[in-house]
C-alpha atoms as a PDB file:
ATOM      1  CA  MET A   1      57.387  -8.967 -26.445  1.00  0.00           C
ATOM      2  CA  ARG A   2      57.696 -10.045 -22.787  1.00  0.00           C
ATOM      3  CA  ILE A   3      61.208 -10.829 -21.292  1.00  0.00           C
ATOM      4  CA  VAL A   4      61.468 -12.553 -18.171  1.00  0.00           C
ATOM      5  CA  ILE A   5      65.283 -12.058 -16.127  1.00  0.00           C
ATOM      6  CA  LEU A   6      65.870 -14.571 -14.151  1.00  0.00           C
ATOM      7  CA  GLU A   7      69.254 -13.390 -12.269  1.00  0.00           C
ATOM      8  CA  ASP A   8      70.358 -13.158  -8.569  1.00  0.00           C
ATOM      9  CA  HIS A   9      72.567 -10.347  -8.582  1.00  0.00           C
ATOM     10  CA  VAL A  10      70.250  -7.426  -8.318  1.00  0.00           C
ATOM     11  CA  LEU A  11      72.242  -4.721  -9.733  1.00  0.00           C
ATOM     12  CA  PHE A  12      72.907  -6.693 -13.021  1.00  0.00           C
ATOM     13  CA  ALA A  13      69.393  -7.667 -13.115  1.00  0.00           C
ATOM     14  CA  GLU A  14      68.096  -4.200 -12.611  1.00  0.00           C
ATOM     15  CA  SER A  15      70.636  -2.562 -15.549  1.00  0.00           C
ATOM     16  CA  LEU A  16      68.986  -5.705 -17.977  1.00  0.00           C
ATOM     17  CA  GLU A  17      65.540  -4.279 -16.991  1.00  0.00           C
ATOM     18  CA  LEU A  18      66.405  -1.034 -17.187  1.00  0.00           C
ATOM     19  CA  ALA A  19      68.281  -1.245 -20.834  1.00  0.00           C
ATOM     20  CA  LEU A  20      65.362  -3.560 -22.232  1.00  0.00           C
ATOM     21  CA  THR A  21      62.431  -1.280 -20.633  1.00  0.00           C
ATOM     22  CA  ILE A  22      63.996   1.484 -22.779  1.00  0.00           C
ATOM     23  CA  GLU A  23      64.019  -0.513 -25.689  1.00  0.00           C
ATOM     24  CA  GLY A  24      60.691  -0.747 -25.436  1.00  0.00           C
ATOM     25  CA  TYR A  25      60.163  -4.280 -23.977  1.00  0.00           C
ATOM     26  CA  ASP A  26      57.602  -5.562 -21.230  1.00  0.00           C
ATOM     27  CA  VAL A  27      60.162  -6.787 -18.798  1.00  0.00           C
ATOM     28  CA  ARG A  28      59.493  -9.077 -15.468  1.00  0.00           C
ATOM     29  CA  ARG A  29      62.025  -9.862 -13.018  1.00  0.00           C
ATOM     30  CA  ALA A  30      62.044 -12.746 -10.686  1.00  0.00           C
ATOM     31  CA  GLU A  31      62.224 -13.032  -7.317  1.00  0.00           C
ATOM     32  CA  VAL A  32      65.055 -15.867  -6.912  1.00  0.00           C
ATOM     33  CA  PRO A  33      64.896 -18.161  -3.910  1.00  0.00           C
ATOM     34  CA  THR A  34      67.712 -17.066  -1.651  1.00  0.00           C
ATOM     35  CA  LEU A  35      68.098 -21.032  -0.580  1.00  0.00           C
ATOM     36  CA  GLU A  36      68.418 -24.029  -2.190  1.00  0.00           C
ATOM     37  CA  HIS A  37      65.057 -25.002  -3.395  1.00  0.00           C
ATOM     38  CA  ARG A  38      63.333 -27.341  -6.073  1.00  0.00           C
ATOM     39  CA  PRO A  39      62.445 -25.186  -9.331  1.00  0.00           C
ATOM     40  CA  GLY A  40      58.897 -25.830  -9.596  1.00  0.00           C
ATOM     41  CA  ALA A  41      57.679 -22.227  -7.647  1.00  0.00           C
ATOM     42  CA  LEU A  42      59.851 -20.524 -10.261  1.00  0.00           C
ATOM     43  CA  LEU A  43      58.888 -22.408 -13.064  1.00  0.00           C
ATOM     44  CA  SER A  44      55.495 -21.989 -12.532  1.00  0.00           C
ATOM     45  CA  TRP A  45      55.785 -18.059 -12.337  1.00  0.00           C
ATOM     46  CA  THR A  46      57.908 -18.001 -15.562  1.00  0.00           C
ATOM     47  CA  VAL A  47      55.526 -19.630 -17.468  1.00  0.00           C
ATOM     48  CA  ARG A  48      52.689 -17.650 -16.040  1.00  0.00           C
ATOM     49  CA  GLN A  49      53.981 -14.528 -17.039  1.00  0.00           C
ATOM     50  CA  ARG A  50      54.216 -15.965 -20.934  1.00  0.00           C
ATOM     51  CA  PRO A  51      57.086 -14.406 -21.838  1.00  0.00           C
ATOM     52  CA  ARG A  52      58.866 -14.743 -25.202  1.00  0.00           C
ATOM     53  CA  VAL A  53      62.357 -14.527 -23.823  1.00  0.00           C
ATOM     54  CA  ALA A  54      64.038 -15.509 -20.329  1.00  0.00           C
ATOM     55  CA  LEU A  55      67.192 -14.280 -19.531  1.00  0.00           C
ATOM     56  CA  LEU A  56      69.038 -16.781 -17.408  1.00  0.00           C
ATOM     57  CA  ASP A  57      71.819 -16.726 -15.015  1.00  0.00           C
ATOM     58  CA  LEU A  58      73.326 -20.120 -14.496  1.00  0.00           C
ATOM     59  CA  ASP A  59      74.459 -19.818 -11.278  1.00  0.00           C
ATOM     60  CA  LEU A  60      71.370 -18.198  -8.890  1.00  0.00           C
ATOM     61  CA  GLY A  61      73.211 -18.209  -5.695  1.00  0.00           C
ATOM     62  CA  GLY A  62      71.564 -19.966  -3.013  1.00  0.00           C
ATOM     63  CA  PHE A  63      69.078 -21.324  -5.022  1.00  0.00           C
ATOM     64  CA  GLY A  64      71.064 -23.187  -7.327  1.00  0.00           C
ATOM     65  CA  ALA A  65      72.146 -24.147 -10.667  1.00  0.00           C
ATOM     66  CA  GLY A  66      70.448 -22.352 -13.313  1.00  0.00           C
ATOM     67  CA  GLU A  67      70.803 -25.203 -15.783  1.00  0.00           C
ATOM     68  CA  ARG A  68      67.649 -27.032 -14.200  1.00  0.00           C
ATOM     69  CA  LEU A  69      65.643 -24.913 -15.668  1.00  0.00           C
ATOM     70  CA  VAL A  70      66.728 -24.489 -19.158  1.00  0.00           C
ATOM     71  CA  ALA A  71      64.740 -27.696 -20.898  1.00  0.00           C
ATOM     72  CA  PRO A  72      61.756 -27.214 -19.042  1.00  0.00           C
ATOM     73  CA  LEU A  73      61.250 -23.245 -20.175  1.00  0.00           C
ATOM     74  CA  ALA A  74      62.547 -24.576 -23.491  1.00  0.00           C
ATOM     75  CA  ARG A  75      59.832 -27.110 -23.834  1.00  0.00           C
ATOM     76  CA  GLU A  76      57.275 -24.209 -23.086  1.00  0.00           C
ATOM     77  CA  GLY A  77      58.308 -22.431 -25.981  1.00  0.00           C
ATOM     78  CA  ILE A  78      60.689 -19.677 -24.018  1.00  0.00           C
ATOM     79  CA  ASN A  79      63.606 -18.750 -25.667  1.00  0.00           C
ATOM     80  CA  VAL A  80      66.233 -19.036 -23.213  1.00  0.00           C
ATOM     81  CA  VAL A  81      69.389 -17.025 -23.178  1.00  0.00           C
ATOM     82  CA  VAL A  82      71.800 -18.140 -21.207  1.00  0.00           C
ATOM     83  CA  VAL A  83      73.741 -14.734 -19.770  1.00  0.00           C
ATOM     84  CA  THR A  84      76.562 -15.757 -17.104  1.00  0.00           C
ATOM     85  CA  GLY A  85      79.484 -15.286 -15.507  1.00  0.00           C
ATOM     86  CA  SER A  86      80.792 -18.714 -15.655  1.00  0.00           C
ATOM     87  CA  VAL A  87      83.887 -19.463 -18.213  1.00  0.00           C
ATOM     88  CA  ASP A  88      83.121 -23.199 -18.417  1.00  0.00           C
ATOM     89  CA  ARG A  89      82.378 -23.853 -22.037  1.00  0.00           C
ATOM     90  CA  ALA A  90      81.479 -27.266 -20.899  1.00  0.00           C
ATOM     91  CA  ARG A  91      78.572 -25.918 -19.068  1.00  0.00           C
ATOM     92  CA  TRP A  92      77.590 -23.711 -21.924  1.00  0.00           C
ATOM     93  CA  GLY A  93      77.296 -26.686 -23.843  1.00  0.00           C
ATOM     94  CA  GLU A  94      75.216 -28.524 -21.911  1.00  0.00           C
ATOM     95  CA  ALA A  95      72.894 -25.160 -21.517  1.00  0.00           C
ATOM     96  CA  VAL A  96      72.548 -25.581 -25.685  1.00  0.00           C
ATOM     97  CA  ARG A  97      72.075 -29.262 -25.124  1.00  0.00           C
ATOM     98  CA  LEU A  98      69.550 -28.621 -22.809  1.00  0.00           C
ATOM     99  CA  GLY A  99      67.475 -26.263 -25.341  1.00  0.00           C
ATOM    100  CA  ALA A 100      68.957 -22.854 -24.872  1.00  0.00           C
ATOM    101  CA  ARG A 101      68.923 -20.772 -28.029  1.00  0.00           C
ATOM    102  CA  LYS A 102      72.176 -18.834 -27.172  1.00  0.00           C
ATOM    103  CA  VAL A 103      74.862 -18.311 -24.430  1.00  0.00           C
ATOM    104  CA  LEU A 104      76.593 -15.218 -23.580  1.00  0.00           C
ATOM    105  CA  ALA A 105      78.958 -14.217 -21.157  1.00  0.00           C
ATOM    106  CA  LYS A 106      78.252 -11.325 -18.425  1.00  0.00           C
ATOM    107  CA  SER A 107      81.399  -9.427 -19.646  1.00  0.00           C
ATOM    108  CA  ARG A 108      80.060  -9.050 -22.884  1.00  0.00           C
ATOM    109  CA  PRO A 109      79.044  -5.463 -23.934  1.00  0.00           C
ATOM    110  CA  LEU A 110      75.143  -4.833 -22.772  1.00  0.00           C
ATOM    111  CA  ASN A 111      74.468  -4.145 -26.364  1.00  0.00           C
ATOM    112  CA  ASP A 112      75.583  -7.871 -27.462  1.00  0.00           C
ATOM    113  CA  ILE A 113      72.449  -9.189 -25.202  1.00  0.00           C
ATOM    114  CA  LEU A 114      70.123  -6.502 -26.742  1.00  0.00           C
ATOM    115  CA  GLY A 115      70.848  -7.590 -29.857  1.00  0.00           C
ATOM    116  CA  THR A 116      70.554 -11.439 -29.430  1.00  0.00           C
ATOM    117  CA  VAL A 117      66.681 -10.355 -27.701  1.00  0.00           C
ATOM    118  CA  ARG A 118      66.247  -8.032 -31.066  1.00  0.00           C
ATOM    119  CA  ARG A 119      66.991 -10.989 -33.395  1.00  0.00           C
ATOM    120  CA  ILE A 120      65.285 -13.406 -31.518  1.00  0.00           C
ATOM    121  CA  ASN A 121      61.833 -10.910 -31.828  1.00  0.00           C
ATOM    122  CA  GLN A 122      62.980 -10.935 -35.373  1.00  0.00           C
ATOM    123  CA  GLY A 123      63.135 -14.430 -35.996  1.00  0.00           C
ATOM    124  CA  LEU A 124      66.475 -14.694 -36.970  1.00  0.00           C
ATOM    125  CA  GLN A 125      68.848 -17.179 -35.753  1.00  0.00           C
ATOM    126  CA  VAL A 126      71.411 -15.762 -32.858  1.00  0.00           C
ATOM    127  CA  MET A 127      73.734 -18.643 -33.127  1.00  0.00           C
ATOM    128  CA  ALA A 128      75.878 -20.211 -35.655  1.00  0.00           C
ATOM    129  CA  PRO A 129      76.143 -23.584 -36.327  1.00  0.00           C
ATOM    130  CA  ASP A 130      79.464 -24.165 -36.008  1.00  0.00           C
ATOM    131  CA  GLU A 131      79.125 -22.211 -32.787  1.00  0.00           C
ATOM    132  CA  ARG A 132      76.800 -24.249 -31.227  1.00  0.00           C
ATOM    133  CA  GLU A 133      78.805 -27.444 -32.555  1.00  0.00           C
ATOM    134  CA  GLN A 134      81.690 -26.505 -31.165  1.00  0.00           C
ATOM    135  CA  LEU A 135      79.842 -25.778 -27.703  1.00  0.00           C
ATOM    136  CA  LEU A 136      78.347 -29.125 -27.815  1.00  0.00           C
ATOM    137  CA  ASP A 137      81.331 -30.638 -28.269  1.00  0.00           C
ATOM    138  CA  ALA A 138      82.700 -29.499 -25.566  1.00  0.00           C
ATOM    139  CA  TRP A 139      80.132 -30.605 -23.427  1.00  0.00           C
ATOM    140  CA  ALA A 140      80.404 -34.414 -24.761  1.00  0.00           C
ATOM    141  CA  THR A 141      84.515 -34.289 -24.357  1.00  0.00           C
ATOM    142  CA  GLU A 142      83.809 -33.242 -20.408  1.00  0.00           C
ATOM    143  CA  ARG A 143      80.978 -35.628 -19.859  1.00  0.00           C
ATOM    144  CA  SER A 144      83.345 -38.239 -21.578  1.00  0.00           C
ATOM    145  CA  HIS A 145      86.026 -37.454 -18.985  1.00  0.00           C
ATOM    146  CA  LEU A 146      83.793 -37.476 -15.657  1.00  0.00           C
ATOM    147  CA  VAL A 147      82.277 -40.960 -16.783  1.00  0.00           C
ATOM    148  CA  ASP A 148      86.103 -42.166 -16.785  1.00  0.00           C
ATOM    149  CA  LEU A 149      86.582 -40.252 -13.365  1.00  0.00           C
ATOM    150  CA  ARG A 150      83.370 -42.250 -11.836  1.00  0.00           C
ATOM    151  CA  ARG A 151      84.749 -45.520 -13.276  1.00  0.00           C
ATOM    152  CA  LYS A 152      87.780 -45.117 -11.887  1.00  0.00           C
ATOM    153  CA  LEU A 153      86.243 -44.129  -8.257  1.00  0.00           C
ATOM    154  CA  ASP A 154      83.888 -47.071  -8.726  1.00  0.00           C
ATOM    155  CA  LEU A 155      87.196 -49.290  -8.856  1.00  0.00           C
ATOM    156  CA  LEU A 156      87.578 -48.433  -5.086  1.00  0.00           C
ATOM    157  CA  THR A 157      86.958 -51.090  -2.124  1.00  0.00           C
ATOM    158  CA  GLY A 158      84.621 -50.185   0.139  1.00  0.00           C
ATOM    159  CA  ARG A 159      87.336 -49.412   3.185  1.00  0.00           C
ATOM    160  CA  GLU A 160      89.276 -47.385   0.404  1.00  0.00           C
ATOM    161  CA  ARG A 161      86.125 -45.419  -0.291  1.00  0.00           C
ATOM    162  CA  GLU A 162      85.969 -44.424   3.836  1.00  0.00           C
ATOM    163  CA  VAL A 163      89.341 -43.414   3.724  1.00  0.00           C
ATOM    164  CA  LEU A 164      88.681 -41.336   0.938  1.00  0.00           C
ATOM    165  CA  ALA A 165      85.943 -40.136   2.830  1.00  0.00           C
ATOM    166  CA  HIS A 166      87.893 -39.251   5.712  1.00  0.00           C
ATOM    167  CA  LEU A 167      90.771 -37.559   3.370  1.00  0.00           C
ATOM    168  CA  MET A 168      87.940 -35.268   2.244  1.00  0.00           C
ATOM    169  CA  LYS A 169      87.193 -34.265   5.657  1.00  0.00           C
ATOM    170  CA  GLY A 170      90.362 -33.311   6.270  1.00  0.00           C
ATOM    171  CA  ARG A 171      91.662 -36.218   8.271  1.00  0.00           C
ATOM    172  CA  THR A 172      95.370 -37.191   8.748  1.00  0.00           C
ATOM    173  CA  VAL A 173      96.412 -40.739   7.928  1.00  0.00           C
ATOM    174  CA  ARG A 174      96.689 -40.760  11.746  1.00  0.00           C
ATOM    175  CA  GLU A 175      93.311 -39.901  12.677  1.00  0.00           C
ATOM    176  CA  ILE A 176      91.869 -42.217   9.995  1.00  0.00           C
ATOM    177  CA  ALA A 177      94.305 -45.043  11.594  1.00  0.00           C
ATOM    178  CA  THR A 178      92.618 -44.273  15.239  1.00  0.00           C
ATOM    179  CA  LEU A 179      89.133 -43.681  13.654  1.00  0.00           C
ATOM    180  CA  GLY A 180      89.595 -46.938  12.291  1.00  0.00           C
ATOM    181  CA  VAL A 181      91.283 -48.822  14.808  1.00  0.00           C
ATOM    182  CA  VAL A 182      93.874 -49.775  12.351  1.00  0.00           C
ATOM    183  CA  SER A 183      97.789 -49.127  12.228  1.00  0.00           C
ATOM    184  CA  GLU A 184      98.941 -46.328  10.274  1.00  0.00           C
ATOM    185  CA  ALA A 185     100.327 -48.429   7.922  1.00  0.00           C
ATOM    186  CA  THR A 186      97.287 -49.787   6.693  1.00  0.00           C
ATOM    187  CA  VAL A 187      96.428 -46.512   6.432  1.00  0.00           C
ATOM    188  CA  ARG A 188      98.711 -45.453   4.128  1.00  0.00           C
ATOM    189  CA  THR A 189      98.546 -48.841   2.163  1.00  0.00           C
ATOM    190  CA  GLN A 190      95.079 -47.773   1.664  1.00  0.00           C
ATOM    191  CA  VAL A 191      96.232 -44.149   0.578  1.00  0.00           C
ATOM    192  CA  LYS A 192      98.677 -45.657  -1.800  1.00  0.00           C
ATOM    193  CA  ALA A 193      95.602 -48.077  -3.382  1.00  0.00           C
ATOM    194  CA  ILE A 194      93.439 -44.752  -3.715  1.00  0.00           C
ATOM    195  CA  LEU A 195      96.095 -42.709  -5.841  1.00  0.00           C
ATOM    196  CA  ALA A 196      96.608 -45.862  -7.922  1.00  0.00           C
ATOM    197  CA  LYS A 197      93.591 -46.722  -8.926  1.00  0.00           C
ATOM    198  CA  LEU A 198      92.089 -42.590  -9.455  1.00  0.00           C
ATOM    199  CA  ASP A 199      95.853 -42.739 -11.259  1.00  0.00           C
ATOM    200  CA  VAL A 200      96.709 -39.215  -9.040  1.00  0.00           C
ATOM    201  CA  THR A 201     100.108 -38.368  -7.025  1.00  0.00           C
ATOM    202  CA  SER A 202      98.590 -36.987  -3.848  1.00  0.00           C
ATOM    203  CA  GLN A 203      95.955 -36.772  -1.676  1.00  0.00           C
ATOM    204  CA  ILE A 204      94.844 -33.372  -2.837  1.00  0.00           C
ATOM    205  CA  ALA A 205      94.717 -34.641  -6.229  1.00  0.00           C
ATOM    206  CA  ALA A 206      91.952 -37.521  -5.275  1.00  0.00           C
ATOM    207  CA  VAL A 207      90.081 -35.184  -3.171  1.00  0.00           C
ATOM    208  CA  GLY A 208      89.645 -32.706  -5.853  1.00  0.00           C
ATOM    209  CA  LEU A 209      89.152 -35.550  -8.279  1.00  0.00           C
ATOM    210  CA  ALA A 210      86.195 -36.863  -5.900  1.00  0.00           C
ATOM    211  CA  HIS A 211      84.602 -33.210  -5.850  1.00  0.00           C
ATOM    212  CA  GLN A 212      85.039 -32.620  -9.226  1.00  0.00           C
ATOM    213  CA  VAL A 213      82.558 -35.598 -10.074  1.00  0.00           C
ATOM    214  CA  GLY A 214      80.422 -34.828  -7.080  1.00  0.00           C
ATOM    215  CA  TRP A 215      81.132 -38.086  -5.982  1.00  0.00           C
ATOM    216  CA  ARG A 216      79.119 -38.541  -2.331  1.00  0.00           C
ATOM    217  CA  PRO A 217      81.242 -40.497   0.073  1.00  0.00           C
ATOM    218  CA  PRO A 218      79.590 -43.355   2.316  1.00  0.00           C
ATOM    219  CA  VAL A 219      78.224 -41.913   5.836  1.00  0.00           C
ATOM    220  CA  ILE A 220      81.096 -42.590   8.311  1.00  0.00           C
ATOM    221  CA  ALA A 221      81.468 -41.503  11.827  1.00  0.00           C
ATOM    222  CA  ALA A 222      81.855 -38.161  12.732  1.00  0.00           C
END
């Protein structure tokens, strides 16, 4: 059985490769691009190897998120096993929703990974139904939460969005007032409106909320 390892941490990838090779598997280790990259080339290379299993990290360094590889690999009939350092259960649930057969933490013993590969090789189930449902529920709950946060951000006026964008750049009320050619009192009023609409109590919390949902502020002057 051929296995492809998609992992940017060289030491961990080499350890997996050695252990799986000793087990008798044909192991191929991908060279993950170090810069943010579209997944096309890496996907094509992986599919050409015709693996039965792909061991995939969710955080591939400069290449970006590994989640975007799960669904296209699964559609090719490849058994995707996520091995990740992330402890975000909602993120695990998203990987399962996209087609991953199993999600394992990197902190688990190496034998757990080897055991999962053996079970796939034997055509056995690798994830209990209740574990799958729990992970999918975690993803659905987080998705609902993010939808609610985005709805709150949509309530901001154009000027309030500009002010929030300035706050995300670390600018003070005085600096925002100077750039906008308005009074500091006006900016403070706008900040209060932002906090009220986002249902938070501080500028730091507002900025954190915006980052959490991946909100892209309007283009403003540098």
